């Protein structure tokens, strides 16, 4: 008779089911469905960790562009002038300044004009 090691296989299944907590109906109970759903969820998570970076960058660019428009500059001109004056600010910091500290953003605009 061959050894089946039920303890280890049960532990693997319990681990899978625990990771599928919150899934709907059979997706959280049936091992085959759990495996499918979990694999798909991990694929989406991997893809979206990268998409998140793109989405945030476009959000920052939109915010910076809107703030620059108030001063009669396009986003492109603003970034170009910042580079010419060697003002090193990342887009996320620049967007935060534009949204939360308009006076500081005004000073940045003055320095590059």
PDB file of N, CA and C in Angstrom:
ATOM      1  N   UNK A   1       0.845  -1.191   0.000  1.00  0.00           N
ATOM      2  CA  UNK A   1       0.000   0.000   0.000  1.00  0.00           C
ATOM      3  C   UNK A   1       0.890   1.254   0.000  1.00  0.00           C
ATOM      4  N   UNK A   2       0.524   2.219  -0.820  1.00  0.00           N
ATOM      5  CA  UNK A   2       1.343   3.421  -0.910  1.00  0.00           C
ATOM      6  C   UNK A   2       0.925   4.460   0.127  1.00  0.00           C
ATOM      7  N   UNK A   3       1.870   5.282   0.524  1.00  0.00           N
ATOM      8  CA  UNK A   3       1.591   6.349   1.495  1.00  0.00           C
ATOM      9  C   UNK A   3       0.989   7.536   0.753  1.00  0.00           C
ATOM     10  N   UNK A   4      -0.070   8.070   1.318  1.00  0.00           N
ATOM     11  CA  UNK A   4      -0.755   9.175   0.632  1.00  0.00           C
ATOM     12  C   UNK A   4      -0.485  10.529   1.301  1.00  0.00           C
ATOM     13  N   UNK A   5      -0.081  10.516   2.532  1.00  0.00           N
ATOM     14  CA  UNK A   5       0.215  11.739   3.273  1.00  0.00           C
ATOM     15  C   UNK A   5      -0.959  12.723   3.231  1.00  0.00           C
ATOM     16  N   UNK A   6      -2.053  12.309   3.814  1.00  0.00           N
ATOM     17  CA  UNK A   6      -3.263  13.140   3.808  1.00  0.00           C
ATOM     18  C   UNK A   6      -3.078  14.448   4.585  1.00  0.00           C
ATOM     19  N   UNK A   7      -2.217  14.396   5.580  1.00  0.00           N
ATOM     20  CA  UNK A   7      -2.036  15.591   6.397  1.00  0.00           C
ATOM     21  C   UNK A   7      -1.514  16.752   5.533  1.00  0.00           C
ATOM     22  N   UNK A   8      -0.501  16.481   4.697  1.00  0.00           N
ATOM     23  CA  UNK A   8       0.091  17.527   3.865  1.00  0.00           C
ATOM     24  C   UNK A   8      -0.895  18.021   2.817  1.00  0.00           C
ATOM     25  N   UNK A   9      -1.627  17.100   2.184  1.00  0.00           N
ATOM     26  CA  UNK A   9      -2.570  17.525   1.142  1.00  0.00           C
ATOM     27  C   UNK A   9      -3.715  18.339   1.747  1.00  0.00           C
ATOM     28  N   UNK A  10      -4.163  17.954   2.945  1.00  0.00           N
ATOM     29  CA  UNK A  10      -5.219  18.730   3.608  1.00  0.00           C
ATOM     30  C   UNK A  10      -4.695  20.117   3.961  1.00  0.00           C
ATOM     31  N   UNK A  11      -3.449  20.176   4.409  1.00  0.00           N
ATOM     32  CA  UNK A  11      -2.857  21.466   4.769  1.00  0.00           C
ATOM     33  C   UNK A  11      -2.765  22.369   3.545  1.00  0.00           C
ATOM     34  N   UNK A  12      -2.385  21.796   2.379  1.00  0.00           N
ATOM     35  CA  UNK A  12      -2.315  22.587   1.145  1.00  0.00           C
ATOM     36  C   UNK A  12      -3.685  23.139   0.772  1.00  0.00           C
ATOM     37  N   UNK A  13      -4.691  22.278   0.876  1.00  0.00           N
ATOM     38  CA  UNK A  13      -6.058  22.731   0.531  1.00  0.00           C
ATOM     39  C   UNK A  13      -6.544  23.807   1.485  1.00  0.00           C
ATOM     40  N   UNK A  14      -6.267  23.618   2.791  1.00  0.00           N
ATOM     41  CA  UNK A  14      -6.693  24.616   3.775  1.00  0.00           C
ATOM     42  C   UNK A  14      -6.032  25.966   3.499  1.00  0.00           C
ATOM     43  N   UNK A  15      -4.755  25.901   3.107  1.00  0.00           N
ATOM     44  CA  UNK A  15      -4.026  27.133   2.793  1.00  0.00           C
ATOM     45  C   UNK A  15      -4.662  27.846   1.593  1.00  0.00           C
ATOM     46  N   UNK A  16      -5.031  27.068   0.582  1.00  0.00           N
ATOM     47  CA  UNK A  16      -5.688  27.640  -0.597  1.00  0.00           C
ATOM     48  C   UNK A  16      -7.019  28.269  -0.224  1.00  0.00           C
ATOM     49  N   UNK A  17      -7.825  27.520   0.538  1.00  0.00           N
ATOM     50  CA  UNK A  17      -9.153  28.019   0.911  1.00  0.00           C
ATOM     51  C   UNK A  17      -9.040  29.270   1.781  1.00  0.00           C
ATOM     52  N   UNK A  18      -8.038  29.284   2.652  1.00  0.00           N
ATOM     53  CA  UNK A  18      -7.830  30.473   3.487  1.00  0.00           C
ATOM     54  C   UNK A  18      -7.492  31.686   2.620  1.00  0.00           C
ATOM     55  N   UNK A  19      -6.706  31.473   1.551  1.00  0.00           N
ATOM     56  CA  UNK A  19      -6.329  32.592   0.674  1.00  0.00           C
ATOM     57  C   UNK A  19      -7.505  33.079  -0.165  1.00  0.00           C
ATOM     58  N   UNK A  20      -8.561  32.255  -0.282  1.00  0.00           N
ATOM     59  CA  UNK A  20      -9.725  32.632  -1.086  1.00  0.00           C
ATOM     60  C   UNK A  20     -10.849  33.201  -0.218  1.00  0.00           C
ATOM     61  N   UNK A  21     -10.521  33.611   0.971  1.00  0.00           N
ATOM     62  CA  UNK A  21     -11.517  34.182   1.878  1.00  0.00           C
ATOM     63  C   UNK A  21     -12.132  35.431   1.244  1.00  0.00           C
ATOM     64  N   UNK A  22     -13.432  35.522   1.253  1.00  0.00           N
ATOM     65  CA  UNK A  22     -14.107  36.679   0.684  1.00  0.00           C
ATOM     66  C   UNK A  22     -14.586  36.449  -0.739  1.00  0.00           C
ATOM     67  N   UNK A  23     -14.158  35.369  -1.373  1.00  0.00           N
ATOM     68  CA  UNK A  23     -14.642  35.062  -2.719  1.00  0.00           C
ATOM     69  C   UNK A  23     -16.080  34.568  -2.626  1.00  0.00           C
ATOM     70  N   UNK A  24     -16.807  34.655  -3.715  1.00  0.00           N
ATOM     71  CA  UNK A  24     -18.247  34.410  -3.740  1.00  0.00           C
ATOM     72  C   UNK A  24     -18.576  32.947  -4.059  1.00  0.00           C
ATOM     73  N   UNK A  25     -19.511  32.358  -3.293  1.00  0.00           N
ATOM     74  CA  UNK A  25     -20.033  31.004  -3.509  1.00  0.00           C
ATOM     75  C   UNK A  25     -18.938  29.957  -3.678  1.00  0.00           C
ATOM     76  N   UNK A  26     -18.994  29.166  -4.765  1.00  0.00           N
ATOM     77  CA  UNK A  26     -18.049  28.063  -4.943  1.00  0.00           C
ATOM     78  C   UNK A  26     -16.611  28.543  -5.077  1.00  0.00           C
ATOM     79  N   UNK A  27     -16.425  29.792  -5.445  1.00  0.00           N
ATOM     80  CA  UNK A  27     -15.078  30.316  -5.612  1.00  0.00           C
ATOM     81  C   UNK A  27     -14.304  30.315  -4.302  1.00  0.00           C
ATOM     82  N   UNK A  28     -15.006  30.200  -3.183  1.00  0.00           N
ATOM     83  CA  UNK A  28     -14.319  30.178  -1.892  1.00  0.00           C
ATOM     84  C   UNK A  28     -14.355  28.806  -1.237  1.00  0.00           C
ATOM     85  N   UNK A  29     -15.065  27.833  -1.811  1.00  0.00           N
ATOM     86  CA  UNK A  29     -15.221  26.522  -1.174  1.00  0.00           C
ATOM     87  C   UNK A  29     -14.631  25.385  -2.006  1.00  0.00           C
ATOM     88  N   UNK A  30     -14.893  25.378  -3.283  1.00  0.00           N
ATOM     89  CA  UNK A  30     -14.504  24.286  -4.172  1.00  0.00           C
ATOM     90  C   UNK A  30     -13.041  24.479  -4.599  1.00  0.00           C
ATOM     91  N   UNK A  31     -12.211  23.479  -4.308  1.00  0.00           N
ATOM     92  CA  UNK A  31     -10.770  23.613  -4.525  1.00  0.00           C
ATOM     93  C   UNK A  31     -10.435  23.961  -5.965  1.00  0.00           C
ATOM     94  N   UNK A  32     -11.075  23.318  -6.915  1.00  0.00           N
ATOM     95  CA  UNK A  32     -10.769  23.594  -8.323  1.00  0.00           C
ATOM     96  C   UNK A  32     -11.107  25.047  -8.671  1.00  0.00           C
ATOM     97  N   UNK A  33     -12.276  25.506  -8.228  1.00  0.00           N
ATOM     98  CA  UNK A  33     -12.676  26.895  -8.478  1.00  0.00           C
ATOM     99  C   UNK A  33     -11.750  27.875  -7.760  1.00  0.00           C
ATOM    100  N   UNK A  34     -11.354  27.508  -6.540  1.00  0.00           N
ATOM    101  CA  UNK A  34     -10.455  28.369  -5.770  1.00  0.00           C
ATOM    102  C   UNK A  34      -9.146  28.554  -6.528  1.00  0.00           C
ATOM    103  N   UNK A  35      -8.593  27.459  -7.052  1.00  0.00           N
ATOM    104  CA  UNK A  35      -7.320  27.530  -7.778  1.00  0.00           C
ATOM    105  C   UNK A  35      -7.437  28.437  -9.004  1.00  0.00           C
ATOM    106  N   UNK A  36      -8.514  28.258  -9.769  1.00  0.00           N
ATOM    107  CA  UNK A  36      -8.720  29.081 -10.972  1.00  0.00           C
ATOM    108  C   UNK A  36      -8.833  30.556 -10.614  1.00  0.00           C
ATOM    109  N   UNK A  37      -9.687  30.831  -9.640  1.00  0.00           N
ATOM    110  CA  UNK A  37      -9.965  32.211  -9.257  1.00  0.00           C
ATOM    111  C   UNK A  37      -8.728  32.885  -8.681  1.00  0.00           C
ATOM    112  N   UNK A  38      -8.000  32.124  -7.850  1.00  0.00           N
ATOM    113  CA  UNK A  38      -6.808  32.677  -7.236  1.00  0.00           C
ATOM    114  C   UNK A  38      -5.732  32.977  -8.272  1.00  0.00           C
ATOM    115  N   UNK A  39      -5.561  32.074  -9.224  1.00  0.00           N
ATOM    116  CA  UNK A  39      -4.567  32.296 -10.280  1.00  0.00           C
ATOM    117  C   UNK A  39      -4.925  33.553 -11.067  1.00  0.00           C
ATOM    118  N   UNK A  40      -6.195  33.680 -11.405  1.00  0.00           N
ATOM    119  CA  UNK A  40      -6.641  34.855 -12.162  1.00  0.00           C
ATOM    120  C   UNK A  40      -6.439  36.128 -11.341  1.00  0.00           C
ATOM    121  N   UNK A  41      -6.747  36.057 -10.053  1.00  0.00           N
ATOM    122  CA  UNK A  41      -6.584  37.228  -9.181  1.00  0.00           C
ATOM    123  C   UNK A  41      -5.122  37.640  -9.111  1.00  0.00           C
ATOM    124  N   UNK A  42      -4.224  36.663  -9.048  1.00  0.00           N
ATOM    125  CA  UNK A  42      -2.802  36.985  -8.981  1.00  0.00           C
ATOM    126  C   UNK A  42      -2.315  37.598 -10.293  1.00  0.00           C
ATOM    127  N   UNK A  43      -2.867  37.133 -11.406  1.00  0.00           N
ATOM    128  CA  UNK A  43      -2.504  37.707 -12.707  1.00  0.00           C
ATOM    129  C   UNK A  43      -2.949  39.168 -12.772  1.00  0.00           C
ATOM    130  N   UNK A  44      -4.193  39.421 -12.339  1.00  0.00           N
ATOM    131  CA  UNK A  44      -4.697  40.798 -12.336  1.00  0.00           C
ATOM    132  C   UNK A  44      -3.857  41.677 -11.412  1.00  0.00           C
ATOM    133  N   UNK A  45      -3.498  41.136 -10.248  1.00  0.00           N
ATOM    134  CA  UNK A  45      -2.723  41.918  -9.279  1.00  0.00           C
ATOM    135  C   UNK A  45      -1.368  42.297  -9.873  1.00  0.00           C
ATOM    136  N   UNK A  46      -0.724  41.338 -10.539  1.00  0.00           N
ATOM    137  CA  UNK A  46       0.582  41.592 -11.149  1.00  0.00           C
ATOM    138  C   UNK A  46       0.451  42.663 -12.227  1.00  0.00           C
ATOM    139  N   UNK A  47      -0.547  42.509 -13.089  1.00  0.00           N
ATOM    140  CA  UNK A  47      -0.754  43.467 -14.185  1.00  0.00           C
ATOM    141  C   UNK A  47      -1.059  44.860 -13.637  1.00  0.00           C
ATOM    142  N   UNK A  48      -1.923  44.915 -12.634  1.00  0.00           N
ATOM    143  CA  UNK A  48      -2.393  46.211 -12.152  1.00  0.00           C
ATOM    144  C   UNK A  48      -1.381  46.941 -11.276  1.00  0.00           C
ATOM    145  N   UNK A  49      -0.415  46.219 -10.719  1.00  0.00           N
ATOM    146  CA  UNK A  49       0.651  46.921 -10.007  1.00  0.00           C
ATOM    147  C   UNK A  49       1.433  47.779 -10.982  1.00  0.00           C
ATOM    148  N   UNK A  50       1.554  47.327 -12.212  1.00  0.00           N
ATOM    149  CA  UNK A  50       2.243  48.106 -13.234  1.00  0.00           C
ATOM    150  C   UNK A  50       1.337  49.196 -13.810  1.00  0.00           C
ATOM    151  N   UNK A  51       0.063  48.865 -14.003  1.00  0.00           N
ATOM    152  CA  UNK A  51      -0.890  49.848 -14.545  1.00  0.00           C
ATOM    153  C   UNK A  51      -1.067  51.023 -13.581  1.00  0.00           C
ATOM    154  N   UNK A  52      -1.011  50.729 -12.288  1.00  0.00           N
ATOM    155  CA  UNK A  52      -1.181  51.767 -11.268  1.00  0.00           C
ATOM    156  C   UNK A  52      -0.151  52.884 -11.446  1.00  0.00           C
ATOM    157  N   UNK A  53       1.078  52.503 -11.758  1.00  0.00           N
ATOM    158  CA  UNK A  53       2.145  53.495 -11.945  1.00  0.00           C
ATOM    159  C   UNK A  53       1.837  54.403 -13.127  1.00  0.00           C
ATOM    160  N   UNK A  54       1.335  53.802 -14.219  1.00  0.00           N
ATOM    161  CA  UNK A  54       0.977  54.600 -15.403  1.00  0.00           C
ATOM    162  C   UNK A  54      -0.174  55.545 -15.099  1.00  0.00           C
ATOM    163  N   UNK A  55      -1.188  55.030 -14.391  1.00  0.00           N
ATOM    164  CA  UNK A  55      -2.366  55.848 -14.084  1.00  0.00           C
ATOM    165  C   UNK A  55      -2.005  57.034 -13.196  1.00  0.00           C
ATOM    166  N   UNK A  56      -1.170  56.789 -12.205  1.00  0.00           N
ATOM    167  CA  UNK A  56      -0.788  57.887 -11.322  1.00  0.00           C
ATOM    168  C   UNK A  56       0.028  58.931 -12.059  1.00  0.00           C
ATOM    169  N   UNK A  57       0.940  58.485 -12.932  1.00  0.00           N
ATOM    170  CA  UNK A  57       1.735  59.453 -13.688  1.00  0.00           C
ATOM    171  C   UNK A  57       0.835  60.339 -14.543  1.00  0.00           C
ATOM    172  N   UNK A  58      -0.171  59.750 -15.196  1.00  0.00           N
ATOM    173  CA  UNK A  58      -1.069  60.562 -16.029  1.00  0.00           C
ATOM    174  C   UNK A  58      -1.904  61.514 -15.169  1.00  0.00           C
ATOM    175  N   UNK A  59      -2.269  61.070 -13.958  1.00  0.00           N
ATOM    176  CA  UNK A  59      -2.995  61.952 -13.035  1.00  0.00           C
ATOM    177  C   UNK A  59      -2.132  63.146 -12.638  1.00  0.00           C
ATOM    178  N   UNK A  60      -0.861  62.875 -12.322  1.00  0.00           N
ATOM    179  CA  UNK A  60       0.055  63.964 -11.949  1.00  0.00           C
ATOM    180  C   UNK A  60       0.209  64.947 -13.090  1.00  0.00           C
ATOM    181  N   UNK A  61       0.369  64.424 -14.308  1.00  0.00           N
ATOM    182  CA  UNK A  61       0.555  65.292 -15.471  1.00  0.00           C
ATOM    183  C   UNK A  61      -0.675  66.168 -15.683  1.00  0.00           C
ATOM    184  N   UNK A  62      -1.866  65.592 -15.510  1.00  0.00           N
ATOM    185  CA  UNK A  62      -3.110  66.357 -15.646  1.00  0.00           C
ATOM    186  C   UNK A  62      -3.170  67.487 -14.623  1.00  0.00           C
ATOM    187  N   UNK A  63      -2.829  67.173 -13.376  1.00  0.00           N
ATOM    188  CA  UNK A  63      -2.867  68.190 -12.313  1.00  0.00           C
ATOM    189  C   UNK A  63      -1.853  69.302 -12.563  1.00  0.00           C
ATOM    190  N   UNK A  64      -0.647  68.915 -12.953  1.00  0.00           N
ATOM    191  CA  UNK A  64       0.394  69.917 -13.219  1.00  0.00           C
ATOM    192  C   UNK A  64      -0.023  70.782 -14.403  1.00  0.00           C
ATOM    193  N   UNK A  65      -0.571  70.164 -15.443  1.00  0.00           N
ATOM    194  CA  UNK A  65      -1.029  70.891 -16.629  1.00  0.00           C
ATOM    195  C   UNK A  65      -2.115  71.894 -16.297  1.00  0.00           C
ATOM    196  N   UNK A  66      -3.057  71.497 -15.439  1.00  0.00           N
ATOM    197  CA  UNK A  66      -4.140  72.401 -15.048  1.00  0.00           C
ATOM    198  C   UNK A  66      -3.594  73.597 -14.273  1.00  0.00           C
ATOM    199  N   UNK A  67      -2.658  73.335 -13.369  1.00  0.00           N
ATOM    200  CA  UNK A  67      -2.073  74.425 -12.587  1.00  0.00           C
ATOM    201  C   UNK A  67      -1.236  75.341 -13.481  1.00  0.00           C
ATOM    202  N   UNK A  68      -0.542  74.774 -14.444  1.00  0.00           N
ATOM    203  CA  UNK A  68       0.282  75.574 -15.359  1.00  0.00           C
ATOM    204  C   UNK A  68      -0.596  76.460 -16.236  1.00  0.00           C
ATOM    205  N   UNK A  69      -1.746  75.949 -16.652  1.00  0.00           N
ATOM    206  CA  UNK A  69      -2.676  76.716 -17.497  1.00  0.00           C
ATOM    207  C   UNK A  69      -3.118  78.003 -16.798  1.00  0.00           C
ATOM    208  N   UNK A  70      -3.272  77.949 -15.474  1.00  0.00           N
ATOM    209  CA  UNK A  70      -3.673  79.132 -14.713  1.00  0.00           C
ATOM    210  C   UNK A  70      -2.628  80.246 -14.813  1.00  0.00           C
ATOM    211  N   UNK A  71      -1.400  79.871 -15.104  1.00  0.00           N
ATOM    212  CA  UNK A  71      -0.307  80.842 -15.225  1.00  0.00           C
ATOM    213  C   UNK A  71       0.058  81.100 -16.684  1.00  0.00           C
ATOM    214  N   UNK A  72      -0.774  80.638 -17.592  1.00  0.00           N
ATOM    215  CA  UNK A  72      -0.550  80.898 -19.008  1.00  0.00           C
ATOM    216  C   UNK A  72       0.545  80.032 -19.642  1.00  0.00           C
ATOM    217  N   UNK A  73       0.839  78.903 -19.026  1.00  0.00           N
ATOM    218  CA  UNK A  73       1.838  77.981 -19.572  1.00  0.00           C
ATOM    219  C   UNK A  73       1.188  76.643 -19.906  1.00  0.00           C
ATOM    220  N   UNK A  74       1.748  75.971 -20.892  1.00  0.00           N
ATOM    221  CA  UNK A  74       1.296  74.601 -21.124  1.00  0.00           C
ATOM    222  C   UNK A  74       2.165  73.687 -20.265  1.00  0.00           C
ATOM    223  N   UNK A  75       1.726  72.462 -20.092  1.00  0.00           N
ATOM    224  CA  UNK A  75       2.501  71.482 -19.320  1.00  0.00           C
ATOM    225  C   UNK A  75       3.891  71.327 -19.932  1.00  0.00           C
ATOM    226  N   UNK A  76       3.904  71.218 -21.258  1.00  0.00           N
ATOM    227  CA  UNK A  76       5.155  71.014 -21.983  1.00  0.00           C
ATOM    228  C   UNK A  76       6.144  72.152 -21.709  1.00  0.00           C
ATOM    229  N   UNK A  77       5.652  73.402 -21.805  1.00  0.00           N
ATOM    230  CA  UNK A  77       6.512  74.568 -21.560  1.00  0.00           C
ATOM    231  C   UNK A  77       7.029  74.586 -20.120  1.00  0.00           C
ATOM    232  N   UNK A  78       6.143  74.252 -19.188  1.00  0.00           N
ATOM    233  CA  UNK A  78       6.525  74.249 -17.776  1.00  0.00           C
ATOM    234  C   UNK A  78       7.668  73.266 -17.535  1.00  0.00           C
ATOM    235  N   UNK A  79       7.514  72.040 -18.014  1.00  0.00           N
ATOM    236  CA  UNK A  79       8.538  71.013 -17.815  1.00  0.00           C
ATOM    237  C   UNK A  79       9.838  71.413 -18.514  1.00  0.00           C
ATOM    238  N   UNK A  80       9.712  71.978 -19.703  1.00  0.00           N
ATOM    239  CA  UNK A  80      10.895  72.413 -20.450  1.00  0.00           C
ATOM    240  C   UNK A  80      11.655  73.500 -19.689  1.00  0.00           C
ATOM    241  N   UNK A  81      10.927  74.491 -19.193  1.00  0.00           N
ATOM    242  CA  UNK A  81      11.573  75.590 -18.460  1.00  0.00           C
ATOM    243  C   UNK A  81      12.191  75.111 -17.145  1.00  0.00           C
ATOM    244  N   UNK A  82      11.513  74.151 -16.491  1.00  0.00           N
ATOM    245  CA  UNK A  82      12.084  73.596 -15.256  1.00  0.00           C
ATOM    246  C   UNK A  82      13.426  72.928 -15.546  1.00  0.00           C
ATOM    247  N   UNK A  83      13.486  72.207 -16.665  1.00  0.00           N
ATOM    248  CA  UNK A  83      14.740  71.536 -17.015  1.00  0.00           C
ATOM    249  C   UNK A  83      15.822  72.542 -17.381  1.00  0.00           C
ATOM    250  N   UNK A  84      15.449  73.612 -18.077  1.00  0.00           N
ATOM    251  CA  UNK A  84      16.434  74.638 -18.439  1.00  0.00           C
ATOM    252  C   UNK A  84      17.027  75.311 -17.208  1.00  0.00           C
ATOM    253  N   UNK A  85      16.183  75.549 -16.192  1.00  0.00           N
ATOM    254  CA  UNK A  85      16.638  76.217 -14.967  1.00  0.00           C
ATOM    255  C   UNK A  85      17.216  75.238 -13.938  1.00  0.00           C
ATOM    256  N   UNK A  86      17.307  73.969 -14.325  1.00  0.00           N
ATOM    257  CA  UNK A  86      17.820  72.913 -13.421  1.00  0.00           C
ATOM    258  C   UNK A  86      17.034  72.805 -12.122  1.00  0.00           C
ATOM    259  N   UNK A  87      15.723  72.963 -12.209  1.00  0.00           N
ATOM    260  CA  UNK A  87      14.850  72.742 -11.059  1.00  0.00           C
ATOM    261  C   UNK A  87      14.454  71.278 -11.096  1.00  0.00           C
ATOM    262  N   UNK A  88      14.941  70.524 -10.128  1.00  0.00           N
ATOM    263  CA  UNK A  88      14.710  69.075 -10.132  1.00  0.00           C
ATOM    264  C   UNK A  88      13.582  68.748  -9.165  1.00  0.00           C
ATOM    265  N   UNK A  89      12.395  68.567  -9.717  1.00  0.00           N
ATOM    266  CA  UNK A  89      11.219  68.157  -8.943  1.00  0.00           C
ATOM    267  C   UNK A  89      10.539  67.024  -9.702  1.00  0.00           C
ATOM    268  N   UNK A  90      10.211  65.967  -8.988  1.00  0.00           N
ATOM    269  CA  UNK A  90       9.513  64.867  -9.647  1.00  0.00           C
ATOM    270  C   UNK A  90       8.057  65.280  -9.891  1.00  0.00           C
ATOM    271  N   UNK A  91       7.417  64.595 -10.812  1.00  0.00           N
ATOM    272  CA  UNK A  91       6.054  64.955 -11.173  1.00  0.00           C
ATOM    273  C   UNK A  91       5.074  64.753 -10.020  1.00  0.00           C
ATOM    274  N   UNK A  92       5.296  63.738  -9.204  1.00  0.00           N
ATOM    275  CA  UNK A  92       4.373  63.535  -8.089  1.00  0.00           C
ATOM    276  C   UNK A  92       4.483  64.654  -7.062  1.00  0.00           C
ATOM    277  N   UNK A  93       5.692  65.106  -6.786  1.00  0.00           N
ATOM    278  CA  UNK A  93       5.882  66.219  -5.840  1.00  0.00           C
ATOM    279  C   UNK A  93       5.323  67.511  -6.431  1.00  0.00           C
ATOM    280  N   UNK A  94       5.587  67.735  -7.707  1.00  0.00           N
ATOM    281  CA  UNK A  94       5.095  68.936  -8.384  1.00  0.00           C
ATOM    282  C   UNK A  94       3.565  68.976  -8.374  1.00  0.00           C
ATOM    283  N   UNK A  95       2.940  67.819  -8.617  1.00  0.00           N
ATOM    284  CA  UNK A  95       1.475  67.742  -8.602  1.00  0.00           C
ATOM    285  C   UNK A  95       0.931  68.012  -7.204  1.00  0.00           C
ATOM    286  N   UNK A  96       1.611  67.478  -6.197  1.00  0.00           N
ATOM    287  CA  UNK A  96       1.181  67.703  -4.813  1.00  0.00           C
ATOM    288  C   UNK A  96       1.291  69.180  -4.458  1.00  0.00           C
ATOM    289  N   UNK A  97       2.384  69.813  -4.864  1.00  0.00           N
ATOM    290  CA  UNK A  97       2.569  71.247  -4.606  1.00  0.00           C
ATOM    291  C   UNK A  97       1.484  72.046  -5.318  1.00  0.00           C
ATOM    292  N   UNK A  98       1.216  71.692  -6.575  1.00  0.00           N
ATOM    293  CA  UNK A  98       0.209  72.419  -7.361  1.00  0.00           C
ATOM    294  C   UNK A  98      -1.170  72.320  -6.720  1.00  0.00           C
ATOM    295  N   UNK A  99      -1.489  71.162  -6.172  1.00  0.00           N
ATOM    296  CA  UNK A  99      -2.819  70.957  -5.593  1.00  0.00           C
ATOM    297  C   UNK A  99      -2.948  71.536  -4.184  1.00  0.00           C
ATOM    298  N   UNK A 100      -1.903  71.361  -3.358  1.00  0.00           N
ATOM    299  CA  UNK A 100      -2.031  71.698  -1.943  1.00  0.00           C
ATOM    300  C   UNK A 100      -1.373  73.016  -1.549  1.00  0.00           C
ATOM    301  N   UNK A 101      -0.371  73.455  -2.293  1.00  0.00           N
ATOM    302  CA  UNK A 101       0.365  74.673  -1.942  1.00  0.00           C
ATOM    303  C   UNK A 101       0.452  75.617  -3.142  1.00  0.00           C
ATOM    304  N   UNK A 102      -0.644  76.284  -3.490  1.00  0.00           N
ATOM    305  CA  UNK A 102      -0.634  77.145  -4.675  1.00  0.00           C
ATOM    306  C   UNK A 102       0.394  78.276  -4.605  1.00  0.00           C
ATOM    307  N   UNK A 103       0.668  78.806  -3.411  1.00  0.00           N
ATOM    308  CA  UNK A 103       1.642  79.903  -3.285  1.00  0.00           C
ATOM    309  C   UNK A 103       3.041  79.420  -3.649  1.00  0.00           C
ATOM    310  N   UNK A 104       3.376  78.234  -3.196  1.00  0.00           N
ATOM    311  CA  UNK A 104       4.693  77.660  -3.507  1.00  0.00           C
ATOM    312  C   UNK A 104       4.794  77.411  -5.006  1.00  0.00           C
ATOM    313  N   UNK A 105       3.698  76.934  -5.600  1.00  0.00           N
ATOM    314  CA  UNK A 105       3.690  76.697  -7.051  1.00  0.00           C
ATOM    315  C   UNK A 105       3.875  78.014  -7.805  1.00  0.00           C
ATOM    316  N   UNK A 106       3.250  79.091  -7.297  1.00  0.00           N
ATOM    317  CA  UNK A 106       3.431  80.420  -7.902  1.00  0.00           C
ATOM    318  C   UNK A 106       4.903  80.835  -7.887  1.00  0.00           C
ATOM    319  N   UNK A 107       5.581  80.569  -6.762  1.00  0.00           N
ATOM    320  CA  UNK A 107       6.999  80.907  -6.649  1.00  0.00           C
ATOM    321  C   UNK A 107       7.838  80.104  -7.647  1.00  0.00           C
ATOM    322  N   UNK A 108       7.472  78.841  -7.830  1.00  0.00           N
ATOM    323  CA  UNK A 108       8.191  77.994  -8.799  1.00  0.00           C
ATOM    324  C   UNK A 108       8.029  78.582 -10.198  1.00  0.00           C
ATOM    325  N   UNK A 109       6.794  79.023 -10.520  1.00  0.00           N
ATOM    326  CA  UNK A 109       6.522  79.626 -11.821  1.00  0.00           C
ATOM    327  C   UNK A 109       7.341  80.907 -12.009  1.00  0.00           C
ATOM    328  N   UNK A 110       7.409  81.715 -10.929  1.00  0.00           N
ATOM    329  CA  UNK A 110       8.198  82.958 -11.003  1.00  0.00           C
ATOM    330  C   UNK A 110       9.673  82.677 -11.287  1.00  0.00           C
ATOM    331  N   UNK A 111      10.210  81.654 -10.674  1.00  0.00           N
ATOM    332  CA  UNK A 111      11.631  81.353 -10.861  1.00  0.00           C
ATOM    333  C   UNK A 111      11.953  80.905 -12.280  1.00  0.00           C
ATOM    334  N   UNK A 112      10.981  80.311 -12.967  1.00  0.00           N
ATOM    335  CA  UNK A 112      11.280  79.802 -14.309  1.00  0.00           C
ATOM    336  C   UNK A 112      10.903  80.787 -15.413  1.00  0.00           C
ATOM    337  N   UNK A 113      10.166  81.846 -15.077  1.00  0.00           N
ATOM    338  CA  UNK A 113       9.758  82.796 -16.125  1.00  0.00           C
ATOM    339  C   UNK A 113      10.833  83.801 -16.427  1.00  0.00           C
TER     340      UNK A 113
END
